[in-house]
């Protein structure tokens, strides 16, 4: 509790005196968890940055604006923030979402057509993951230590609304994971090292494994849920909320965990 209060106070002080910056909270002494420090990771020359994920070896990924006011993906390690570029080279914008323990990074960035695609960056190169057949957009949200990538591929209907399908990308091929029965859309958010995928679609959290998508359900009396993360034990976290969710009113969401 003391550590949480200290960290909260530090975050508050940073937000009051600086533009939004990526930061890390670290344990200076593993034997005394209460002793935490917060570190500003800086930017790529712009005024704004945000860290999105960290792996077990301390590599941090996210996005930062450059001096030219373009949003680029970054990898931070050993005290240095490195510009990972974009799918369009020095032009365009990109954001890193996840990094595995091998240093492989996934995220999304715009392409020449004006749409955006998911990417995988490894061995110093950013690879366009493409889309599912017939789609224009995609975004990669998670990668495991086997190099399997998940996210969503999308198109627009005649009214301009996005239509999403969850995908699993591996060995150069993107697979449509389908949807829950009675649903027409899905988005994958995370994947563990067993290849179990979690996400959500049209108000229902799902777990995909062994080729099948399972509805995880929601809390009693609540009709919407989303699964956002899964660990190696198969424990899933996310949220549940009423369909009339209103964070500015008196209808809120609840953090949840699904476990055996």
Protein backbone atom coordinates (compact mmCIF):
# COMPACT_ATOMS: atom_id res chain seq x y z
CA UNK A 1 0.00 0.00 0.00
CA UNK A 2 2.82 2.39 0.86
CA UNK A 3 4.58 1.58 -2.40
CA UNK A 4 1.38 2.09 -4.36
CA UNK A 5 0.84 5.49 -2.75
CA UNK A 6 4.43 6.54 -3.46
CA UNK A 7 4.16 5.41 -7.08
CA UNK A 8 0.83 7.18 -7.50
CA UNK A 9 2.27 10.38 -6.08
CA UNK A 10 5.24 10.20 -8.40
CA UNK A 11 3.03 9.61 -11.43
CA UNK A 12 0.86 12.54 -10.41
CA UNK A 13 3.86 14.84 -10.06
CA UNK A 14 5.16 13.86 -13.48
CA UNK A 15 1.80 14.48 -15.14
CA UNK A 16 1.59 17.92 -13.57
CA UNK A 17 4.99 19.10 -14.68
CA UNK A 18 5.71 17.31 -17.95
CA UNK A 19 3.93 16.30 -21.16
CA UNK A 20 2.89 12.66 -21.22
CA UNK A 21 6.05 10.55 -21.09
CA UNK A 22 6.74 6.84 -21.05
CA UNK A 23 7.96 5.71 -17.65
CA UNK A 24 8.97 2.60 -15.75
CA UNK A 25 8.49 1.71 -12.10
CA UNK A 26 11.25 -0.60 -10.93
CA UNK A 27 12.13 -2.49 -7.78
CA UNK A 28 15.44 -1.12 -6.52
CA UNK A 29 15.77 -3.82 -3.88
CA UNK A 30 14.05 -7.14 -4.49
CA UNK A 31 14.19 -7.97 -0.78
CA UNK A 32 12.26 -4.80 0.08
CA UNK A 33 9.37 -4.50 -2.43
CA UNK A 34 8.25 -1.22 -0.85
CA UNK A 35 11.28 0.58 -2.29
CA UNK A 36 10.24 1.51 -5.83
CA UNK A 37 11.52 4.15 -8.19
CA UNK A 38 9.92 5.71 -11.24
CA UNK A 39 11.97 6.56 -14.31
CA UNK A 40 11.13 8.83 -17.21
CA UNK A 41 11.99 6.97 -20.42
CA UNK A 42 12.00 10.16 -22.47
CA UNK A 43 10.83 10.57 -26.06
CA UNK A 44 12.12 10.35 -29.61
CA UNK A 45 12.37 14.11 -29.74
CA UNK A 46 8.69 15.00 -29.46
CA UNK A 47 6.51 15.95 -26.52
CA UNK A 48 4.57 12.73 -25.96
CA UNK A 49 5.33 9.05 -25.35
CA UNK A 50 3.71 6.00 -23.78
CA UNK A 51 5.04 2.57 -22.81
CA UNK A 52 2.72 -0.33 -23.69
CA UNK A 53 4.53 -3.51 -22.64
CA UNK A 54 7.68 -4.92 -21.02
CA UNK A 55 9.24 -8.38 -21.28
CA UNK A 56 11.13 -10.46 -18.74
CA UNK A 57 14.51 -8.99 -19.68
CA UNK A 58 13.39 -5.39 -19.23
CA UNK A 59 12.85 -4.38 -22.85
CA UNK A 60 10.05 -1.81 -23.10
CA UNK A 61 7.95 -1.00 -26.18
CA UNK A 62 5.40 1.67 -27.00
CA UNK A 63 5.12 4.82 -29.03
CA UNK A 64 6.68 8.27 -29.01
CA UNK A 65 6.28 11.37 -31.10
CA UNK A 66 9.37 12.53 -32.96
CA UNK A 67 10.65 16.07 -33.42
CA UNK A 68 8.67 16.08 -36.68
CA UNK A 69 5.51 15.33 -34.67
CA UNK A 70 5.11 11.82 -36.09
CA UNK A 71 4.17 8.86 -33.91
CA UNK A 72 6.79 6.09 -34.11
CA UNK A 73 7.15 2.74 -32.39
CA UNK A 74 10.05 2.48 -29.93
CA UNK A 75 12.08 -0.11 -28.09
CA UNK A 76 13.75 1.00 -24.85
CA UNK A 77 16.58 -0.97 -23.27
CA UNK A 78 19.77 -0.27 -21.34
CA UNK A 79 18.73 3.33 -20.80
CA UNK A 80 18.21 4.16 -24.47
CA UNK A 81 15.01 4.67 -26.50
CA UNK A 82 15.39 3.38 -30.04
CA UNK A 83 13.18 4.44 -32.95
CA UNK A 84 11.76 1.32 -34.64
CA UNK A 85 10.47 3.37 -37.55
CA UNK A 86 7.25 2.65 -39.43
CA UNK A 87 6.01 0.43 -42.22
CA UNK A 88 6.64 3.35 -44.56
CA UNK A 89 10.24 3.88 -43.52
CA UNK A 90 10.95 7.32 -42.11
CA UNK A 91 7.46 8.57 -43.01
CA UNK A 92 4.15 7.53 -41.53
CA UNK A 93 3.23 6.49 -38.02
CA UNK A 94 3.41 3.33 -35.95
CA UNK A 95 2.81 2.06 -32.43
CA UNK A 96 4.31 -0.98 -30.70
CA UNK A 97 1.90 -3.01 -28.59
CA UNK A 98 3.75 -6.07 -27.29
CA UNK A 99 7.21 -7.59 -27.01
CA UNK A 100 8.12 -11.19 -26.24
CA UNK A 101 11.16 -12.50 -24.39
CA UNK A 102 13.10 -12.85 -27.64
CA UNK A 103 12.73 -9.14 -28.36
CA UNK A 104 10.24 -9.60 -31.19
CA UNK A 105 7.89 -6.61 -31.32
CA UNK A 106 4.37 -6.32 -32.72
CA UNK A 107 2.02 -3.41 -33.26
CA UNK A 108 0.42 -1.46 -36.09
CA UNK A 109 1.29 1.32 -38.48
CA UNK A 110 -0.07 3.11 -41.50
CA UNK A 111 0.72 2.01 -45.03
CA UNK A 112 0.90 3.86 -48.33
CA UNK A 113 -2.78 3.21 -49.10
CA UNK A 114 -3.78 5.24 -46.05
CA UNK A 115 -4.94 2.19 -44.10
CA UNK A 116 -3.01 0.60 -41.22
CA UNK A 117 -1.55 -2.90 -40.90
CA UNK A 118 -0.16 -5.03 -38.13
CA UNK A 119 3.60 -5.49 -38.05
CA UNK A 120 6.24 -7.81 -36.65
CA UNK A 121 9.68 -6.38 -36.05
CA UNK A 122 12.58 -8.77 -35.68
CA UNK A 123 16.23 -8.91 -36.74
CA UNK A 124 16.18 -5.16 -37.36
CA UNK A 125 13.35 -5.28 -39.91
CA UNK A 126 9.66 -4.36 -39.70
CA UNK A 127 7.41 -6.82 -41.54
CA UNK A 128 3.92 -6.01 -42.77
CA UNK A 129 1.63 -8.85 -41.63
CA UNK A 130 -1.00 -7.96 -44.20
CA UNK A 131 -4.70 -8.69 -43.70
CA UNK A 132 -7.22 -11.45 -44.07
CA UNK A 133 -8.57 -11.83 -47.64
CA UNK A 134 -10.80 -8.92 -48.61
CA UNK A 135 -9.80 -6.73 -45.66
CA UNK A 136 -7.98 -3.39 -45.66
CA UNK A 137 -6.90 -2.92 -42.05
CA UNK A 138 -5.16 -5.01 -39.40
CA UNK A 139 -3.51 -4.57 -36.01
CA UNK A 140 -1.26 -6.91 -34.01
CA UNK A 141 -1.82 -6.84 -30.24
CA UNK A 142 0.08 -9.82 -28.82
CA UNK A 143 3.00 -12.17 -29.46
CA UNK A 144 4.22 -15.20 -27.52
CA UNK A 145 7.72 -16.66 -27.25
CA UNK A 146 6.99 -19.01 -30.15
CA UNK A 147 6.54 -16.03 -32.46
CA UNK A 148 2.79 -16.52 -32.83
CA UNK A 149 1.02 -13.19 -33.31
CA UNK A 150 -2.61 -12.30 -32.65
CA UNK A 151 -4.75 -9.28 -33.39
CA UNK A 152 -7.55 -8.34 -35.73
CA UNK A 153 -8.13 -7.80 -39.42
CA UNK A 154 -10.89 -5.46 -40.57
CA UNK A 155 -12.82 -3.94 -43.42
CA UNK A 156 -15.51 -1.25 -43.57
CA UNK A 157 -19.14 -1.79 -44.46
CA UNK A 158 -21.10 0.50 -46.77
CA UNK A 159 -21.82 2.83 -43.84
CA UNK A 160 -18.15 3.11 -42.92
CA UNK A 161 -18.35 0.91 -39.81
CA UNK A 162 -15.46 -1.44 -39.08
CA UNK A 163 -16.04 -5.20 -39.26
CA UNK A 164 -13.43 -7.15 -37.25
CA UNK A 165 -12.17 -10.73 -37.24
CA UNK A 166 -9.56 -12.12 -34.86
CA UNK A 167 -6.45 -13.62 -36.44
CA UNK A 168 -3.52 -15.85 -35.55
CA UNK A 169 -0.38 -15.25 -37.61
CA UNK A 170 2.46 -17.77 -37.70
CA UNK A 171 5.05 -18.95 -40.21
CA UNK A 172 4.07 -16.20 -42.63
CA UNK A 173 0.36 -17.05 -42.74
CA UNK A 174 -2.62 -15.26 -41.20
CA UNK A 175 -5.47 -17.47 -39.97
CA UNK A 176 -9.02 -16.29 -39.39
CA UNK A 177 -10.09 -17.46 -35.91
CA UNK A 178 -13.74 -16.93 -36.69
CA UNK A 179 -16.35 -15.74 -34.21
CA UNK A 180 -18.51 -17.05 -31.40
CA UNK A 181 -21.78 -18.71 -32.46
CA UNK A 182 -24.36 -16.09 -33.35
CA UNK A 183 -21.74 -13.34 -33.58
CA UNK A 184 -20.25 -11.74 -36.68
CA UNK A 185 -17.15 -10.03 -35.23
CA UNK A 186 -14.15 -10.80 -33.01
CA UNK A 187 -10.86 -9.25 -31.87
CA UNK A 188 -7.89 -11.14 -30.38
CA UNK A 189 -5.98 -9.35 -27.60
CA UNK A 190 -3.37 -11.77 -26.21
CA UNK A 191 -1.77 -15.20 -26.62
CA UNK A 192 0.23 -17.31 -24.17
CA UNK A 193 3.08 -19.73 -24.89
CA UNK A 194 0.61 -22.63 -25.14
CA UNK A 195 -1.05 -20.92 -28.09
CA UNK A 196 -4.24 -20.08 -26.19
CA UNK A 197 -5.80 -16.87 -27.51
CA UNK A 198 -8.18 -14.52 -25.73
CA UNK A 199 -10.22 -11.58 -26.91
CA UNK A 200 -13.77 -10.43 -27.38
CA UNK A 201 -16.48 -9.90 -29.92
CA UNK A 202 -19.77 -8.06 -29.76
CA UNK A 203 -19.80 -7.93 -25.97
CA UNK A 204 -18.56 -11.47 -25.25
CA UNK A 205 -15.13 -12.56 -24.00
CA UNK A 206 -13.66 -15.63 -25.66
CA UNK A 207 -10.90 -18.21 -25.32
CA UNK A 208 -9.66 -19.85 -28.51
CA UNK A 209 -7.68 -23.09 -28.35
CA UNK A 210 -7.29 -26.23 -30.45
CA UNK A 211 -9.25 -24.64 -33.27
CA UNK A 212 -12.34 -23.79 -31.21
CA UNK A 213 -13.63 -20.50 -29.77
CA UNK A 214 -15.34 -20.66 -26.37
CA UNK A 215 -17.55 -18.01 -24.76
CA UNK A 216 -16.14 -17.21 -21.30
CA UNK A 217 -19.33 -15.60 -20.05
CA UNK A 218 -19.67 -12.63 -17.69
CA UNK A 219 -20.55 -11.82 -14.10
CA UNK A 220 -24.07 -12.57 -12.90
CA UNK A 221 -26.41 -9.78 -13.92
CA UNK A 222 -23.91 -8.31 -16.40
CA UNK A 223 -24.29 -8.81 -20.14
CA UNK A 224 -20.94 -7.74 -21.61
CA UNK A 225 -17.37 -8.94 -21.11
CA UNK A 226 -13.95 -8.77 -22.76
CA UNK A 227 -10.81 -10.88 -22.24
CA UNK A 228 -7.59 -8.86 -22.53
CA UNK A 229 -4.78 -11.04 -21.16
CA UNK A 230 -3.84 -14.67 -20.50
CA UNK A 231 -0.87 -16.20 -18.66
CA UNK A 232 0.91 -19.55 -18.96
CA UNK A 233 -1.49 -21.09 -16.41
CA UNK A 234 -4.48 -20.31 -18.57
CA UNK A 235 -5.76 -17.61 -16.22
CA UNK A 236 -7.59 -14.90 -18.15
CA UNK A 237 -8.19 -11.29 -17.13
CA UNK A 238 -10.40 -8.57 -18.54
CA UNK A 239 -13.58 -6.76 -17.62
CA UNK A 240 -17.33 -7.23 -17.34
CA UNK A 241 -19.88 -4.45 -17.63
CA UNK A 242 -23.55 -3.73 -18.34
CA UNK A 243 -24.58 -2.87 -21.88
CA UNK A 244 -25.45 0.65 -20.68
CA UNK A 245 -21.91 1.20 -19.36
CA UNK A 246 -21.28 4.88 -18.66
CA UNK A 247 -18.01 5.82 -16.90
CA UNK A 248 -19.21 9.41 -16.57
CA UNK A 249 -22.46 8.37 -14.94
CA UNK A 250 -23.18 5.68 -12.38
CA UNK A 251 -22.79 2.54 -14.50
CA UNK A 252 -19.28 1.08 -14.32
CA UNK A 253 -17.20 -1.93 -15.41
CA UNK A 254 -15.55 -4.49 -13.14
CA UNK A 255 -12.10 -6.08 -13.50
CA UNK A 256 -12.48 -9.87 -13.65
CA UNK A 257 -10.37 -13.01 -13.78
CA UNK A 258 -11.41 -16.31 -15.28
CA UNK A 259 -9.62 -19.34 -13.82
CA UNK A 260 -10.19 -23.04 -13.23
